Amino acid sequence: LEVYDWRTVLRVIGVGFVVVLLFAYKYLSQPSLSCGQDAGG
């Protein structure tokens, strides 16, 4: 905010969060029921 106006900063932060959401979309998932809860946790 010392360099840019609040609108620009808000957009940059929003884009950053969307990028993280897209990363999570690729890798975040629930385990299959066949995995089970074995001794290794």
Full PDB file with SEQRES, HELIX, SHEET, SSBOND, CRYST1, ORIGX, SCALE, CONECT and MASTER records, all heavy atoms in Angstrom:
SEQRES   1 A   41  LEU GLU VAL TYR ASP TRP ARG THR VAL LEU ARG VAL ILE          
SEQRES   2 A   41  GLY VAL GLY PHE VAL VAL VAL LEU LEU PHE ALA TYR LYS          
SEQRES   3 A   41  TYR LEU SER GLN PRO SER LEU SER CYS GLY GLN ASP ALA          
SEQRES   4 A   41  GLY GLY                                                      
HELIX    1 AA1 TRP A    6  TYR A   27  1                                  22    
CRYST1    1.000    1.000    1.000  90.00  90.00  90.00 P 1           1          
ORIGX1      1.000000  0.000000  0.000000        0.00000                         
ORIGX2      0.000000  1.000000  0.000000        0.00000                         
ORIGX3      0.000000  0.000000  1.000000        0.00000                         
SCALE1      1.000000  0.000000  0.000000        0.00000                         
SCALE2      0.000000  1.000000  0.000000        0.00000                         
SCALE3      0.000000  0.000000  1.000000        0.00000                         
ATOM      1  N   LEU A   1       0.818  -1.223   0.000  1.00  0.00           N  
ATOM      2  CA  LEU A   1       0.000   0.000   0.000  1.00  0.00           C  
ATOM      3  C   LEU A   1       0.850   1.270   0.000  1.00  0.00           C  
ATOM      4  O   LEU A   1       0.343   2.353  -0.306  1.00  0.00           O  
ATOM      5  CB  LEU A   1      -0.933   0.004   1.212  1.00  0.00           C  
ATOM      6  CG  LEU A   1      -2.156  -0.917   1.108  1.00  0.00           C  
ATOM      7  CD1 LEU A   1      -2.848  -1.051   2.454  1.00  0.00           C  
ATOM      8  CD2 LEU A   1      -3.136  -0.396   0.058  1.00  0.00           C  
ATOM      9  N   GLU A   2       2.113   1.146   0.329  1.00  0.00           N  
ATOM     10  CA  GLU A   2       3.009   2.298   0.256  1.00  0.00           C  
ATOM     11  C   GLU A   2       3.376   2.619  -1.188  1.00  0.00           C  
ATOM     12  O   GLU A   2       3.831   3.725  -1.481  1.00  0.00           O  
ATOM     13  CB  GLU A   2       4.275   2.027   1.071  1.00  0.00           C  
ATOM     14  CG  GLU A   2       4.026   1.894   2.571  1.00  0.00           C  
ATOM     15  CD  GLU A   2       5.297   1.617   3.352  1.00  0.00           C  
ATOM     16  OE1 GLU A   2       6.375   1.550   2.706  1.00  0.00           O  
ATOM     17  OE2 GLU A   2       5.228   1.463   4.581  1.00  0.00           O  
ATOM     18  N   VAL A   3       3.176   1.649  -2.074  1.00  0.00           N  
ATOM     19  CA  VAL A   3       3.548   1.822  -3.482  1.00  0.00           C  
ATOM     20  C   VAL A   3       2.315   1.875  -4.387  1.00  0.00           C  
ATOM     21  O   VAL A   3       2.254   2.681  -5.321  1.00  0.00           O  
ATOM     22  CB  VAL A   3       4.482   0.675  -3.941  1.00  0.00           C  
ATOM     23  CG1 VAL A   3       4.895   0.857  -5.401  1.00  0.00           C  
ATOM     24  CG2 VAL A   3       5.702   0.585  -3.027  1.00  0.00           C  
ATOM     25  N   TYR A   4       1.331   1.028  -4.100  1.00  0.00           N  
ATOM     26  CA  TYR A   4       0.155   0.903  -4.961  1.00  0.00           C  
ATOM     27  C   TYR A   4      -1.113   1.339  -4.210  1.00  0.00           C  
ATOM     28  O   TYR A   4      -1.126   1.400  -2.983  1.00  0.00           O  
ATOM     29  CB  TYR A   4      -0.015  -0.539  -5.444  1.00  0.00           C  
ATOM     30  CG  TYR A   4       1.217  -1.095  -6.127  1.00  0.00           C  
ATOM     31  CD1 TYR A   4       2.072  -1.971  -5.452  1.00  0.00           C  
ATOM     32  CD2 TYR A   4       1.526  -0.754  -7.445  1.00  0.00           C  
ATOM     33  CE1 TYR A   4       3.193  -2.489  -6.070  1.00  0.00           C  
ATOM     34  CE2 TYR A   4       2.648  -1.265  -8.070  1.00  0.00           C  
ATOM     35  CZ  TYR A   4       3.482  -2.125  -7.374  1.00  0.00           C  
ATOM     36  OH  TYR A   4       4.603  -2.622  -7.992  1.00  0.00           O  
ATOM     37  N   ASP A   5      -2.187   1.585  -4.952  1.00  0.00           N  
ATOM     38  CA  ASP A   5      -3.448   1.935  -4.296  1.00  0.00           C  
ATOM     39  C   ASP A   5      -4.132   0.667  -3.790  1.00  0.00           C  
ATOM     40  O   ASP A   5      -3.765  -0.450  -4.139  1.00  0.00           O  
ATOM     41  CB  ASP A   5      -4.360   2.731  -5.233  1.00  0.00           C  
ATOM     42  CG  ASP A   5      -4.839   1.922  -6.434  1.00  0.00           C  
ATOM     43  OD1 ASP A   5      -4.550   0.717  -6.503  1.00  0.00           O  
ATOM     44  OD2 ASP A   5      -5.499   2.505  -7.311  1.00  0.00           O  
ATOM     45  N   TRP A   6      -5.157   0.864  -2.948  1.00  0.00           N  
ATOM     46  CA  TRP A   6      -5.797  -0.278  -2.297  1.00  0.00           C  
ATOM     47  C   TRP A   6      -6.477  -1.209  -3.292  1.00  0.00           C  
ATOM     48  O   TRP A   6      -6.549  -2.422  -3.060  1.00  0.00           O  
ATOM     49  CB  TRP A   6      -6.806   0.203  -1.251  1.00  0.00           C  
ATOM     50  CG  TRP A   6      -7.991   0.947  -1.800  1.00  0.00           C  
ATOM     51  CD1 TRP A   6      -8.096   2.284  -2.010  1.00  0.00           C  
ATOM     52  CD2 TRP A   6      -9.239   0.376  -2.233  1.00  0.00           C  
ATOM     53  NE1 TRP A   6      -9.332   2.599  -2.543  1.00  0.00           N  
ATOM     54  CE2 TRP A   6     -10.057   1.450  -2.677  1.00  0.00           C  
ATOM     55  CE3 TRP A   6      -9.752  -0.918  -2.272  1.00  0.00           C  
ATOM     56  CZ2 TRP A   6     -11.346   1.242  -3.172  1.00  0.00           C  
ATOM     57  CZ3 TRP A   6     -11.030  -1.120  -2.756  1.00  0.00           C  
ATOM     58  CH2 TRP A   6     -11.819  -0.051  -3.201  1.00  0.00           C  
ATOM     59  N   ARG A   7      -6.956  -0.666  -4.400  1.00  0.00           N  
ATOM     60  CA  ARG A   7      -7.623  -1.509  -5.402  1.00  0.00           C  
ATOM     61  C   ARG A   7      -6.635  -2.510  -6.001  1.00  0.00           C  
ATOM     62  O   ARG A   7      -6.936  -3.702  -6.149  1.00  0.00           O  
ATOM     63  CB  ARG A   7      -8.237  -0.640  -6.504  1.00  0.00           C  
ATOM     64  CG  ARG A   7      -9.335   0.294  -6.017  1.00  0.00           C  
ATOM     65  CD  ARG A   7      -9.917   1.107  -7.175  1.00  0.00           C  
ATOM     66  NE  ARG A   7     -10.840   2.125  -6.703  1.00  0.00           N  
ATOM     67  CZ  ARG A   7     -12.134   1.917  -6.450  1.00  0.00           C  
ATOM     68  NH1 ARG A   7     -12.632   0.706  -6.621  1.00  0.00           N  
ATOM     69  NH2 ARG A   7     -12.911   2.903  -6.028  1.00  0.00           N  
ATOM     70  N   THR A   8      -5.456  -2.031  -6.357  1.00  0.00           N  
ATOM     71  CA  THR A   8      -4.436  -2.907  -6.941  1.00  0.00           C  
ATOM     72  C   THR A   8      -3.999  -3.976  -5.953  1.00  0.00           C  
ATOM     73  O   THR A   8      -3.868  -5.159  -6.310  1.00  0.00           O  
ATOM     74  CB  THR A   8      -3.214  -2.077  -7.380  1.00  0.00           C  
ATOM     75  OG1 THR A   8      -3.630  -1.088  -8.318  1.00  0.00           O  
ATOM     76  CG2 THR A   8      -2.150  -2.962  -8.004  1.00  0.00           C  
ATOM     77  N   VAL A   9      -3.783  -3.565  -4.707  1.00  0.00           N  
ATOM     78  CA  VAL A   9      -3.349  -4.524  -3.681  1.00  0.00           C  
ATOM     79  C   VAL A   9      -4.410  -5.597  -3.471  1.00  0.00           C  
ATOM     80  O   VAL A   9      -4.095  -6.794  -3.382  1.00  0.00           O  
ATOM     81  CB  VAL A   9      -3.046  -3.790  -2.358  1.00  0.00           C  
ATOM     82  CG1 VAL A   9      -2.717  -4.798  -1.253  1.00  0.00           C  
ATOM     83  CG2 VAL A   9      -1.899  -2.811  -2.540  1.00  0.00           C  
ATOM     84  N   LEU A  10      -5.667  -5.195  -3.442  1.00  0.00           N  
ATOM     85  CA  LEU A  10      -6.755  -6.147  -3.244  1.00  0.00           C  
ATOM     86  C   LEU A  10      -6.825  -7.141  -4.407  1.00  0.00           C  
ATOM     87  O   LEU A  10      -7.052  -8.339  -4.197  1.00  0.00           O  
ATOM     88  CB  LEU A  10      -8.081  -5.396  -3.105  1.00  0.00           C  
ATOM     89  CG  LEU A  10      -9.230  -6.127  -2.404  1.00  0.00           C  
ATOM     90  CD1 LEU A  10      -8.841  -6.500  -0.975  1.00  0.00           C  
ATOM     91  CD2 LEU A  10     -10.480  -5.257  -2.376  1.00  0.00           C  
ATOM     92  N   ARG A  11      -6.594  -6.655  -5.611  1.00  0.00           N  
ATOM     93  CA  ARG A  11      -6.614  -7.548  -6.780  1.00  0.00           C  
ATOM     94  C   ARG A  11      -5.449  -8.529  -6.752  1.00  0.00           C  
ATOM     95  O   ARG A  11      -5.615  -9.718  -7.067  1.00  0.00           O  
ATOM     96  CB  ARG A  11      -6.573  -6.712  -8.071  1.00  0.00           C  
ATOM     97  CG  ARG A  11      -7.863  -5.948  -8.335  1.00  0.00           C  
ATOM     98  CD  ARG A  11      -7.670  -4.882  -9.386  1.00  0.00           C  
ATOM     99  NE  ARG A  11      -8.797  -3.934  -9.382  1.00  0.00           N  
ATOM    100  CZ  ARG A  11      -8.757  -2.728  -9.917  1.00  0.00           C  
ATOM    101  NH1 ARG A  11      -7.642  -2.295 -10.514  1.00  0.00           N  
ATOM    102  NH2 ARG A  11      -9.812  -1.942  -9.866  1.00  0.00           N  
ATOM    103  N   VAL A  12      -4.266  -8.047  -6.386  1.00  0.00           N  
ATOM    104  CA  VAL A  12      -3.091  -8.931  -6.314  1.00  0.00           C  
ATOM    105  C   VAL A  12      -3.318 -10.026  -5.281  1.00  0.00           C  
ATOM    106  O   VAL A  12      -3.038 -11.206  -5.533  1.00  0.00           O  
ATOM    107  CB  VAL A  12      -1.824  -8.118  -5.971  1.00  0.00           C  
ATOM    108  CG1 VAL A  12      -0.651  -9.048  -5.654  1.00  0.00           C  
ATOM    109  CG2 VAL A  12      -1.453  -7.197  -7.131  1.00  0.00           C  
ATOM    110  N   ILE A  13      -3.846  -9.648  -4.116  1.00  0.00           N  
ATOM    111  CA  ILE A  13      -4.116 -10.626  -3.064  1.00  0.00           C  
ATOM    112  C   ILE A  13      -5.174 -11.632  -3.524  1.00  0.00           C  
ATOM    113  O   ILE A  13      -5.054 -12.840  -3.299  1.00  0.00           O  
ATOM    114  CB  ILE A  13      -4.580  -9.909  -1.783  1.00  0.00           C  
ATOM    115  CG1 ILE A  13      -3.423  -9.115  -1.179  1.00  0.00           C  
ATOM    116  CG2 ILE A  13      -5.116 -10.909  -0.762  1.00  0.00           C  
ATOM    117  CD1 ILE A  13      -3.820  -8.255  -0.010  1.00  0.00           C  
ATOM    118  N   GLY A  14      -6.206 -11.139  -4.200  1.00  0.00           N  
ATOM    119  CA  GLY A  14      -7.255 -12.020  -4.708  1.00  0.00           C  
ATOM    120  C   GLY A  14      -6.724 -13.015  -5.717  1.00  0.00           C  
ATOM    121  O   GLY A  14      -7.059 -14.204  -5.677  1.00  0.00           O  
ATOM    122  N   VAL A  15      -5.865 -12.548  -6.628  1.00  0.00           N  
ATOM    123  CA  VAL A  15      -5.259 -13.448  -7.625  1.00  0.00           C  
ATOM    124  C   VAL A  15      -4.403 -14.496  -6.934  1.00  0.00           C  
ATOM    125  O   VAL A  15      -4.427 -15.684  -7.291  1.00  0.00           O  
ATOM    126  CB  VAL A  15      -4.420 -12.639  -8.634  1.00  0.00           C  
ATOM    127  CG1 VAL A  15      -3.567 -13.569  -9.499  1.00  0.00           C  
ATOM    128  CG2 VAL A  15      -5.324 -11.784  -9.523  1.00  0.00           C  
ATOM    129  N   GLY A  16      -3.647 -14.061  -5.919  1.00  0.00           N  
ATOM    130  CA  GLY A  16      -2.810 -15.010  -5.180  1.00  0.00           C  
ATOM    131  C   GLY A  16      -3.629 -16.104  -4.524  1.00  0.00           C  
ATOM    132  O   GLY A  16      -3.259 -17.288  -4.570  1.00  0.00           O  
ATOM    133  N   PHE A  17      -4.765 -15.725  -3.942  1.00  0.00           N  
ATOM    134  CA  PHE A  17      -5.605 -16.735  -3.300  1.00  0.00           C  
ATOM    135  C   PHE A  17      -6.210 -17.690  -4.328  1.00  0.00           C  
ATOM    136  O   PHE A  17      -6.304 -18.899  -4.080  1.00  0.00           O  
ATOM    137  CB  PHE A  17      -6.720 -16.061  -2.500  1.00  0.00           C  
ATOM    138  CG  PHE A  17      -7.473 -17.017  -1.614  1.00  0.00           C  
ATOM    139  CD1 PHE A  17      -6.949 -17.420  -0.408  1.00  0.00           C  
ATOM    140  CD2 PHE A  17      -8.700 -17.529  -2.006  1.00  0.00           C  
ATOM    141  CE1 PHE A  17      -7.633 -18.315   0.411  1.00  0.00           C  
ATOM    142  CE2 PHE A  17      -9.394 -18.416  -1.207  1.00  0.00           C  
ATOM    143  CZ  PHE A  17      -8.855 -18.808   0.005  1.00  0.00           C  
ATOM    144  N   VAL A  18      -6.605 -17.174  -5.466  1.00  0.00           N  
ATOM    145  CA  VAL A  18      -7.157 -18.021  -6.521  1.00  0.00           C  
ATOM    146  C   VAL A  18      -6.109 -19.027  -7.004  1.00  0.00           C  
ATOM    147  O   VAL A  18      -6.425 -20.205  -7.247  1.00  0.00           O  
ATOM    148  CB  VAL A  18      -7.672 -17.163  -7.698  1.00  0.00           C  
ATOM    149  CG1 VAL A  18      -7.943 -18.027  -8.920  1.00  0.00           C  
ATOM    150  CG2 VAL A  18      -8.936 -16.411  -7.294  1.00  0.00           C  
ATOM    151  N   VAL A  19      -4.854 -18.598  -7.113  1.00  0.00           N  
ATOM    152  CA  VAL A  19      -3.769 -19.499  -7.534  1.00  0.00           C  
ATOM    153  C   VAL A  19      -3.617 -20.639  -6.528  1.00  0.00           C  
ATOM    154  O   VAL A  19      -3.468 -21.807  -6.912  1.00  0.00           O  
ATOM    155  CB  VAL A  19      -2.441 -18.723  -7.681  1.00  0.00           C  
ATOM    156  CG1 VAL A  19      -1.266 -19.691  -7.846  1.00  0.00           C  
ATOM    157  CG2 VAL A  19      -2.509 -17.782  -8.877  1.00  0.00           C  
ATOM    158  N   VAL A  20      -3.669 -20.309  -5.240  1.00  0.00           N  
ATOM    159  CA  VAL A  20      -3.559 -21.349  -4.208  1.00  0.00           C  
ATOM    160  C   VAL A  20      -4.755 -22.288  -4.267  1.00  0.00           C  
ATOM    161  O   VAL A  20      -4.616 -23.509  -4.097  1.00  0.00           O  
ATOM    162  CB  VAL A  20      -3.435 -20.711  -2.811  1.00  0.00           C  
ATOM    163  CG1 VAL A  20      -3.431 -21.785  -1.725  1.00  0.00           C  
ATOM    164  CG2 VAL A  20      -2.163 -19.877  -2.711  1.00  0.00           C  
ATOM    165  N   LEU A  21      -5.942 -21.754  -4.518  1.00  0.00           N  
ATOM    166  CA  LEU A  21      -7.128 -22.602  -4.658  1.00  0.00           C  
ATOM    167  C   LEU A  21      -6.981 -23.579  -5.826  1.00  0.00           C  
ATOM    168  O   LEU A  21      -7.371 -24.742  -5.731  1.00  0.00           O  
ATOM    169  CB  LEU A  21      -8.372 -21.732  -4.861  1.00  0.00           C  
ATOM    170  CG  LEU A  21      -9.087 -21.230  -3.604  1.00  0.00           C  
ATOM    171  CD1 LEU A  21     -10.117 -20.178  -3.976  1.00  0.00           C  
ATOM    172  CD2 LEU A  21      -9.758 -22.380  -2.863  1.00  0.00           C  
ATOM    173  N   LEU A  22      -6.405 -23.102  -6.930  1.00  0.00           N  
ATOM    174  CA  LEU A  22      -6.186 -23.973  -8.088  1.00  0.00           C  
ATOM    175  C   LEU A  22      -5.170 -25.071  -7.769  1.00  0.00           C  
ATOM    176  O   LEU A  22      -5.309 -26.216  -8.221  1.00  0.00           O  
ATOM    177  CB  LEU A  22      -5.721 -23.143  -9.281  1.00  0.00           C  
ATOM    178  CG  LEU A  22      -6.776 -22.185  -9.865  1.00  0.00           C  
ATOM    179  CD1 LEU A  22      -6.152 -21.286 -10.930  1.00  0.00           C  
ATOM    180  CD2 LEU A  22      -7.943 -22.971 -10.452  1.00  0.00           C  
ATOM    181  N   PHE A  23      -4.139 -24.713  -6.986  1.00  0.00           N  
ATOM    182  CA  PHE A  23      -3.161 -25.718  -6.554  1.00  0.00           C  
ATOM    183  C   PHE A  23      -3.846 -26.774  -5.677  1.00  0.00           C  
ATOM    184  O   PHE A  23      -3.622 -27.974  -5.830  1.00  0.00           O  
ATOM    185  CB  PHE A  23      -2.026 -25.033  -5.787  1.00  0.00           C  
ATOM    186  CG  PHE A  23      -0.986 -25.987  -5.261  1.00  0.00           C  
ATOM    187  CD1 PHE A  23       0.033 -26.451  -6.080  1.00  0.00           C  
ATOM    188  CD2 PHE A  23      -1.029 -26.432  -3.935  1.00  0.00           C  
ATOM    189  CE1 PHE A  23       0.991 -27.330  -5.606  1.00  0.00           C  
ATOM    190  CE2 PHE A  23      -0.078 -27.311  -3.445  1.00  0.00           C  
ATOM    191  CZ  PHE A  23       0.936 -27.761  -4.284  1.00  0.00           C  
ATOM    192  N   ALA A  24      -4.687 -26.300  -4.764  1.00  0.00           N  
ATOM    193  CA  ALA A  24      -5.410 -27.225  -3.895  1.00  0.00           C  
ATOM    194  C   ALA A  24      -6.365 -28.101  -4.699  1.00  0.00           C  
ATOM    195  O   ALA A  24      -6.561 -29.278  -4.387  1.00  0.00           O  
ATOM    196  CB  ALA A  24      -6.180 -26.441  -2.832  1.00  0.00           C  
ATOM    197  N   TYR A  25      -6.956 -27.518  -5.751  1.00  0.00           N  
ATOM    198  CA  TYR A  25      -7.863 -28.283  -6.611  1.00  0.00           C  
ATOM    199  C   TYR A  25      -7.156 -29.509  -7.190  1.00  0.00           C  
ATOM    200  O   TYR A  25      -7.749 -30.581  -7.331  1.00  0.00           O  
ATOM    201  CB  TYR A  25      -8.368 -27.396  -7.742  1.00  0.00           C  
ATOM    202  CG  TYR A  25      -9.292 -28.096  -8.718  1.00  0.00           C  
ATOM    203  CD1 TYR A  25     -10.651 -28.209  -8.453  1.00  0.00           C  
ATOM    204  CD2 TYR A  25      -8.797 -28.663  -9.891  1.00  0.00           C  
ATOM    205  CE1 TYR A  25     -11.497 -28.867  -9.330  1.00  0.00           C  
ATOM    206  CE2 TYR A  25      -9.640 -29.317 -10.776  1.00  0.00           C  
ATOM    207  CZ  TYR A  25     -10.983 -29.416 -10.492  1.00  0.00           C  
ATOM    208  OH  TYR A  25     -11.812 -30.071 -11.368  1.00  0.00           O  
ATOM    209  N   LYS A  26      -5.871 -29.346  -7.493  1.00  0.00           N  
ATOM    210  CA  LYS A  26      -5.112 -30.439  -8.099  1.00  0.00           C  
ATOM    211  C   LYS A  26      -4.713 -31.503  -7.081  1.00  0.00           C  
ATOM    212  O   LYS A  26      -4.747 -32.706  -7.381  1.00  0.00           O  
ATOM    213  CB  LYS A  26      -3.864 -29.885  -8.790  1.00  0.00           C  
ATOM    214  CG  LYS A  26      -3.038 -30.949  -9.500  1.00  0.00           C  
ATOM    215  CD  LYS A  26      -1.871 -30.331 -10.259  1.00  0.00           C  
ATOM    216  CE  LYS A  26      -1.084 -31.412 -11.002  1.00  0.00           C  
ATOM    217  NZ  LYS A  26       0.060 -30.835 -11.769  1.00  0.00           N  
ATOM    218  N   TYR A  27      -4.352 -31.077  -5.875  1.00  0.00           N  
ATOM    219  CA  TYR A  27      -3.738 -32.020  -4.939  1.00  0.00           C  
ATOM    220  C   TYR A  27      -4.580 -32.384  -3.716  1.00  0.00           C  
ATOM    221  O   TYR A  27      -4.298 -33.373  -3.051  1.00  0.00           O  
ATOM    222  CB  TYR A  27      -2.393 -31.464  -4.447  1.00  0.00           C  
ATOM    223  CG  TYR A  27      -1.355 -31.393  -5.551  1.00  0.00           C  
ATOM    224  CD1 TYR A  27      -0.950 -30.164  -6.067  1.00  0.00           C  
ATOM    225  CD2 TYR A  27      -0.798 -32.548  -6.073  1.00  0.00           C  
ATOM    226  CE1 TYR A  27       0.004 -30.088  -7.069  1.00  0.00           C  
ATOM    227  CE2 TYR A  27       0.147 -32.486  -7.081  1.00  0.00           C  
ATOM    228  CZ  TYR A  27       0.543 -31.257  -7.575  1.00  0.00           C  
ATOM    229  OH  TYR A  27       1.476 -31.187  -8.572  1.00  0.00           O  
ATOM    230  N   LEU A  28      -5.596 -31.584  -3.382  1.00  0.00           N  
ATOM    231  CA  LEU A  28      -6.391 -31.884  -2.192  1.00  0.00           C  
ATOM    232  C   LEU A  28      -7.474 -32.895  -2.540  1.00  0.00           C  
ATOM    233  O   LEU A  28      -8.279 -32.677  -3.448  1.00  0.00           O  
ATOM    234  CB  LEU A  28      -7.032 -30.606  -1.640  1.00  0.00           C  
ATOM    235  CG  LEU A  28      -7.792 -30.747  -0.316  1.00  0.00           C  
ATOM    236  CD1 LEU A  28      -6.858 -31.219   0.794  1.00  0.00           C  
ATOM    237  CD2 LEU A  28      -8.445 -29.427   0.068  1.00  0.00           C  
ATOM    238  N   SER A  29      -7.494 -33.986  -1.831  1.00  0.00           N  
ATOM    239  CA  SER A  29      -8.478 -35.036  -2.097  1.00  0.00           C  
ATOM    240  C   SER A  29      -8.723 -35.829  -0.823  1.00  0.00           C  
ATOM    241  O   SER A  29      -7.952 -35.756   0.133  1.00  0.00           O  
ATOM    242  CB  SER A  29      -7.981 -35.981  -3.196  1.00  0.00           C  
ATOM    243  OG  SER A  29      -6.771 -36.626  -2.789  1.00  0.00           O  
ATOM    244  N   GLN A  30      -9.797 -36.594  -0.816  1.00  0.00           N  
ATOM    245  CA  GLN A  30     -10.085 -37.481   0.303  1.00  0.00           C  
ATOM    246  C   GLN A  30      -9.529 -38.859  -0.008  1.00  0.00           C  
ATOM    247  O   GLN A  30      -9.487 -39.272  -1.172  1.00  0.00           O  
ATOM    248  CB  GLN A  30     -11.585 -37.561   0.545  1.00  0.00           C  
ATOM    249  CG  GLN A  30     -12.193 -36.255   1.027  1.00  0.00           C  
ATOM    250  CD  GLN A  30     -13.675 -36.373   1.308  1.00  0.00           C  
ATOM    251  OE1 GLN A  30     -14.237 -37.459   1.212  1.00  0.00           O  
ATOM    252  NE2 GLN A  30     -14.304 -35.261   1.655  1.00  0.00           N  
ATOM    253  N   PRO A  31      -9.104 -39.609   1.006  1.00  0.00           N  
ATOM    254  CA  PRO A  31      -8.581 -40.955   0.776  1.00  0.00           C  
ATOM    255  C   PRO A  31      -9.682 -41.904   0.328  1.00  0.00           C  
ATOM    256  O   PRO A  31     -10.847 -41.722   0.688  1.00  0.00           O  
ATOM    257  CB  PRO A  31      -8.022 -41.360   2.140  1.00  0.00           C  
ATOM    258  CG  PRO A  31      -8.832 -40.573   3.108  1.00  0.00           C  
ATOM    259  CD  PRO A  31      -9.107 -39.257   2.423  1.00  0.00           C  
ATOM    260  N   SER A  32      -9.317 -42.893  -0.431  1.00  0.00           N  
ATOM    261  CA  SER A  32     -10.291 -43.911  -0.817  1.00  0.00           C  
ATOM    262  C   SER A  32     -10.560 -44.804   0.380  1.00  0.00           C  
ATOM    263  O   SER A  32      -9.712 -44.991   1.250  1.00  0.00           O  
ATOM    264  CB  SER A  32      -9.747 -44.760  -1.976  1.00  0.00           C  
ATOM    265  OG  SER A  32      -8.574 -45.447  -1.568  1.00  0.00           O  
ATOM    266  N   LEU A  33     -11.753 -45.336   0.441  1.00  0.00           N  
ATOM    267  CA  LEU A  33     -12.127 -46.176   1.569  1.00  0.00           C  
ATOM    268  C   LEU A  33     -11.284 -47.437   1.656  1.00  0.00           C  
ATOM    269  O   LEU A  33     -11.200 -48.070   2.700  1.00  0.00           O  
ATOM    270  CB  LEU A  33     -13.612 -46.556   1.479  1.00  0.00           C  
ATOM    271  CG  LEU A  33     -14.590 -45.394   1.623  1.00  0.00           C  
ATOM    272  CD1 LEU A  33     -16.019 -45.916   1.494  1.00  0.00           C  
ATOM    273  CD2 LEU A  33     -14.411 -44.681   2.948  1.00  0.00           C  
ATOM    274  N   SER A  34     -10.634 -47.791   0.561  1.00  0.00           N  
ATOM    275  CA  SER A  34      -9.813 -49.001   0.569  1.00  0.00           C  
ATOM    276  C   SER A  34      -8.489 -48.808   1.294  1.00  0.00           C  
ATOM    277  O   SER A  34      -7.788 -49.754   1.604  1.00  0.00           O  
ATOM    278  CB  SER A  34      -9.530 -49.445  -0.867  1.00  0.00           C  
ATOM    279  OG  SER A  34      -8.827 -48.417  -1.573  1.00  0.00           O  
ATOM    280  N   CYS A  35      -8.150 -47.541   1.554  1.00  0.00           N  
ATOM    281  CA  CYS A  35      -6.861 -47.281   2.205  1.00  0.00           C  
ATOM    282  C   CYS A  35      -6.817 -47.860   3.614  1.00  0.00           C  
ATOM    283  O   CYS A  35      -5.814 -48.398   4.044  1.00  0.00           O  
ATOM    284  CB  CYS A  35      -6.584 -45.769   2.277  1.00  0.00           C  
ATOM    285  SG  CYS A  35      -6.208 -45.041   0.662  1.00  0.00           S  
ATOM    286  N   GLY A  36      -7.937 -47.679   4.337  1.00  0.00           N  
ATOM    287  CA  GLY A  36      -7.972 -48.168   5.702  1.00  0.00           C  
ATOM    288  C   GLY A  36      -7.116 -47.359   6.655  1.00  0.00           C  
ATOM    289  O   GLY A  36      -6.379 -46.480   6.259  1.00  0.00           O  
ATOM    290  N   GLN A  37      -7.192 -47.686   7.896  1.00  0.00           N  
ATOM    291  CA  GLN A  37      -6.396 -47.030   8.931  1.00  0.00           C  
ATOM    292  C   GLN A  37      -5.409 -48.053   9.456  1.00  0.00           C  
ATOM    293  O   GLN A  37      -5.619 -48.734  10.436  1.00  0.00           O  
ATOM    294  CB  GLN A  37      -7.288 -46.501  10.055  1.00  0.00           C  
ATOM    295  CG  GLN A  37      -6.526 -45.690  11.082  1.00  0.00           C  
ATOM    296  CD  GLN A  37      -7.441 -45.120  12.115  1.00  0.00           C  
ATOM    297  OE1 GLN A  37      -8.630 -45.008  11.902  1.00  0.00           O  
ATOM    298  NE2 GLN A  37      -6.895 -44.755  13.246  1.00  0.00           N  
ATOM    299  N   ASP A  38      -4.277 -48.158   8.778  1.00  0.00           N  
ATOM    300  CA  ASP A  38      -3.344 -49.202   9.152  1.00  0.00           C  
ATOM    301  C   ASP A  38      -2.405 -48.750  10.261  1.00  0.00           C  
ATOM    302  O   ASP A  38      -2.494 -47.638  10.765  1.00  0.00           O  
ATOM    303  CB  ASP A  38      -2.556 -49.677   7.926  1.00  0.00           C  
ATOM    304  CG  ASP A  38      -1.745 -48.553   7.284  1.00  0.00           C  
ATOM    305  OD1 ASP A  38      -1.386 -47.578   7.982  1.00  0.00           O  
ATOM    306  OD2 ASP A  38      -1.466 -48.661   6.086  1.00  0.00           O  
ATOM    307  N   ALA A  39      -1.480 -49.609  10.596  1.00  0.00           N  
ATOM    308  CA  ALA A  39      -0.576 -49.324  11.704  1.00  0.00           C  
ATOM    309  C   ALA A  39       0.300 -48.117  11.442  1.00  0.00           C  
ATOM    310  O   ALA A  39       0.772 -47.469  12.361  1.00  0.00           O  
ATOM    311  CB  ALA A  39       0.285 -50.554  11.982  1.00  0.00           C  
ATOM    312  N   GLY A  40       0.560 -47.823  10.192  1.00  0.00           N  
ATOM    313  CA  GLY A  40       1.390 -46.673   9.855  1.00  0.00           C  
ATOM    314  C   GLY A  40       0.646 -45.378   9.914  1.00  0.00           C  
ATOM    315  O   GLY A  40       1.208 -44.323   9.669  1.00  0.00           O  
ATOM    316  N   GLY A  41      -0.647 -45.433  10.196  1.00  0.00           N  
ATOM    317  CA  GLY A  41      -1.413 -44.201  10.315  1.00  0.00           C  
ATOM    318  C   GLY A  41      -1.895 -43.672   8.990  1.00  0.00           C  
ATOM    319  O   GLY A  41      -2.188 -42.495   8.859  1.00  0.00           O  
TER     320      GLY A  41                                                      
MASTER        0    0    0    1    0    0    0    6  319    1    0    4          
END                                                                             
